[in-house]
């Protein structure tokens, strides 16, 4: 096995890995969990806002 063959095999492995990650990220089965993860930032913001408001009212 020469260097060119090894380089070709490595290119195919990297390409298949990229296609696999792309398919996983855009699959419809994962959309709900990704939407929940995207909204986690806003849920933390609401909790801290409520705790600050409750402290000011006392």
N, C-alpha and C. Protein backbone atom coordinates (compact mmCIF):
# COMPACT_ATOMS: atom_id res chain seq x y z
N UNK A 1 0.86 -1.18 0.00
CA UNK A 1 0.00 0.00 0.00
C UNK A 1 0.91 1.24 0.00
N UNK A 2 0.72 2.06 -0.99
CA UNK A 2 1.54 3.26 -1.07
C UNK A 2 0.83 4.46 -0.45
N UNK A 3 1.49 5.58 -0.45
CA UNK A 3 0.98 6.79 0.20
C UNK A 3 -0.30 7.30 -0.45
N UNK A 4 -0.41 7.21 -1.78
CA UNK A 4 -1.60 7.68 -2.48
C UNK A 4 -2.84 6.89 -2.13
N UNK A 5 -2.70 5.57 -1.98
CA UNK A 5 -3.83 4.72 -1.59
C UNK A 5 -4.28 5.05 -0.17
N UNK A 6 -3.33 5.20 0.73
CA UNK A 6 -3.64 5.55 2.11
C UNK A 6 -4.34 6.90 2.19
N UNK A 7 -3.88 7.84 1.40
CA UNK A 7 -4.48 9.16 1.39
C UNK A 7 -5.92 9.09 0.84
N UNK A 8 -6.16 8.27 -0.16
CA UNK A 8 -7.49 8.10 -0.71
C UNK A 8 -8.45 7.47 0.29
N UNK A 9 -7.98 6.45 1.01
CA UNK A 9 -8.81 5.80 2.03
C UNK A 9 -9.14 6.78 3.15
N UNK A 10 -8.16 7.55 3.57
CA UNK A 10 -8.39 8.54 4.62
C UNK A 10 -9.40 9.59 4.16
N UNK A 11 -9.31 10.00 2.91
CA UNK A 11 -10.27 10.99 2.37
C UNK A 11 -11.69 10.43 2.39
N UNK A 12 -11.86 9.18 2.02
CA UNK A 12 -13.19 8.56 2.03
C UNK A 12 -13.72 8.45 3.45
N UNK A 13 -12.87 8.09 4.40
CA UNK A 13 -13.31 7.98 5.81
C UNK A 13 -13.75 9.34 6.34
N UNK A 14 -12.98 10.38 6.06
CA UNK A 14 -13.34 11.72 6.52
C UNK A 14 -14.63 12.19 5.86
N UNK A 15 -14.81 11.91 4.57
CA UNK A 15 -16.02 12.31 3.86
C UNK A 15 -17.24 11.58 4.42
N UNK A 16 -17.14 10.29 4.70
CA UNK A 16 -18.25 9.55 5.27
C UNK A 16 -18.59 10.03 6.68
N UNK A 17 -17.57 10.39 7.45
CA UNK A 17 -17.80 10.94 8.78
C UNK A 17 -18.54 12.26 8.70
N UNK A 18 -18.15 13.12 7.78
CA UNK A 18 -18.81 14.40 7.59
C UNK A 18 -20.27 14.21 7.18
N UNK A 19 -20.52 13.32 6.24
CA UNK A 19 -21.90 13.06 5.80
C UNK A 19 -22.72 12.49 6.94
N UNK A 20 -22.13 11.64 7.77
CA UNK A 20 -22.84 11.07 8.92
C UNK A 20 -23.22 12.14 9.93
N UNK A 21 -22.31 13.03 10.25
CA UNK A 21 -22.60 14.12 11.19
C UNK A 21 -23.65 15.06 10.62
N UNK A 22 -23.55 15.35 9.33
CA UNK A 22 -24.53 16.22 8.67
C UNK A 22 -25.92 15.59 8.72
N UNK A 23 -26.02 14.31 8.41
CA UNK A 23 -27.32 13.62 8.44
C UNK A 23 -27.88 13.57 9.86
N UNK A 24 -27.02 13.34 10.85
CA UNK A 24 -27.47 13.29 12.25
C UNK A 24 -27.99 14.65 12.70
N UNK A 25 -27.30 15.71 12.32
CA UNK A 25 -27.68 17.05 12.77
C UNK A 25 -28.99 17.52 12.14
N UNK A 26 -29.27 17.10 10.93
CA UNK A 26 -30.47 17.56 10.24
C UNK A 26 -31.57 16.52 10.18
N UNK A 27 -31.46 15.44 10.93
CA UNK A 27 -32.52 14.43 10.91
C UNK A 27 -33.73 14.94 11.69
N UNK A 28 -34.89 14.53 11.26
CA UNK A 28 -36.12 15.00 11.90
C UNK A 28 -36.30 14.39 13.29
N UNK A 29 -35.67 13.26 13.56
CA UNK A 29 -35.78 12.65 14.89
C UNK A 29 -35.08 13.47 15.96
N UNK A 30 -34.07 14.23 15.60
CA UNK A 30 -33.30 15.01 16.56
C UNK A 30 -33.81 16.44 16.72
N UNK A 31 -34.76 16.85 15.92
CA UNK A 31 -35.19 18.25 15.90
C UNK A 31 -35.76 18.68 17.25
N UNK A 32 -36.56 17.85 17.89
CA UNK A 32 -37.17 18.23 19.16
C UNK A 32 -36.11 18.48 20.24
N UNK A 33 -35.13 17.59 20.33
CA UNK A 33 -34.11 17.78 21.37
C UNK A 33 -33.22 18.98 21.07
N UNK A 34 -32.96 19.25 19.79
CA UNK A 34 -32.18 20.44 19.44
C UNK A 34 -32.95 21.72 19.73
N UNK A 35 -34.27 21.71 19.50
CA UNK A 35 -35.09 22.88 19.82
C UNK A 35 -35.11 23.14 21.32
N UNK A 36 -35.20 22.07 22.11
CA UNK A 36 -35.16 22.23 23.57
C UNK A 36 -33.82 22.77 24.02
N UNK A 37 -32.74 22.28 23.45
CA UNK A 37 -31.40 22.76 23.80
C UNK A 37 -31.21 24.22 23.40
N UNK A 38 -31.81 24.61 22.28
CA UNK A 38 -31.67 26.00 21.83
C UNK A 38 -32.41 26.95 22.77
N UNK A 39 -33.46 26.50 23.41
CA UNK A 39 -34.25 27.36 24.29
C UNK A 39 -33.78 27.34 25.74
N UNK A 40 -32.77 26.56 26.07
CA UNK A 40 -32.26 26.52 27.43
C UNK A 40 -31.71 27.87 27.88
N UNK A 41 -31.15 28.62 26.98
CA UNK A 41 -30.59 29.93 27.31
C UNK A 41 -31.69 30.85 27.83
N UNK A 42 -32.84 30.80 27.21
CA UNK A 42 -33.93 31.68 27.60
C UNK A 42 -34.57 31.25 28.92
N UNK A 43 -34.58 29.97 29.22
CA UNK A 43 -35.17 29.53 30.48
C UNK A 43 -34.29 29.97 31.65
N UNK A 44 -32.98 29.97 31.52
CA UNK A 44 -32.09 30.45 32.57
C UNK A 44 -32.27 31.95 32.79
N UNK A 45 -32.50 32.67 31.73
CA UNK A 45 -32.67 34.11 31.82
C UNK A 45 -33.94 34.46 32.60
N UNK A 46 -35.01 33.72 32.38
CA UNK A 46 -36.26 33.98 33.08
C UNK A 46 -36.13 33.69 34.57
N UNK A 47 -35.41 32.65 34.94
CA UNK A 47 -35.24 32.31 36.35
C UNK A 47 -34.44 33.39 37.06
N UNK A 48 -33.36 33.87 36.46
CA UNK A 48 -32.56 34.89 37.11
C UNK A 48 -33.31 36.22 37.16
N UNK A 49 -34.14 36.50 36.18
CA UNK A 49 -34.92 37.74 36.17
C UNK A 49 -35.96 37.72 37.28
N UNK A 50 -36.59 36.57 37.49
CA UNK A 50 -37.59 36.45 38.55
C UNK A 50 -36.93 36.58 39.91
N UNK A 51 -35.77 35.99 40.10
CA UNK A 51 -35.10 36.08 41.41
C UNK A 51 -34.62 37.50 41.69
N UNK A 52 -34.22 38.24 40.68
CA UNK A 52 -33.82 39.64 40.89
C UNK A 52 -35.03 40.50 41.22
N UNK A 53 -36.15 40.27 40.53
CA UNK A 53 -37.35 41.05 40.81
C UNK A 53 -37.89 40.77 42.20
N UNK A 54 -37.85 39.52 42.63
CA UNK A 54 -38.37 39.20 43.96
C UNK A 54 -37.51 39.82 45.05
N UNK A 55 -36.22 39.98 44.82
CA UNK A 55 -35.35 40.60 45.81
C UNK A 55 -35.55 42.08 45.92
N UNK A 56 -35.93 42.73 44.84
CA UNK A 56 -36.14 44.18 44.84
C UNK A 56 -37.46 44.54 45.52
N UNK A 57 -38.45 43.66 45.45
CA UNK A 57 -39.76 43.96 46.01
C UNK A 57 -39.80 43.84 47.52
N UNK A 58 -38.84 43.19 48.12
CA UNK A 58 -38.86 42.97 49.58
C UNK A 58 -38.41 44.17 50.34
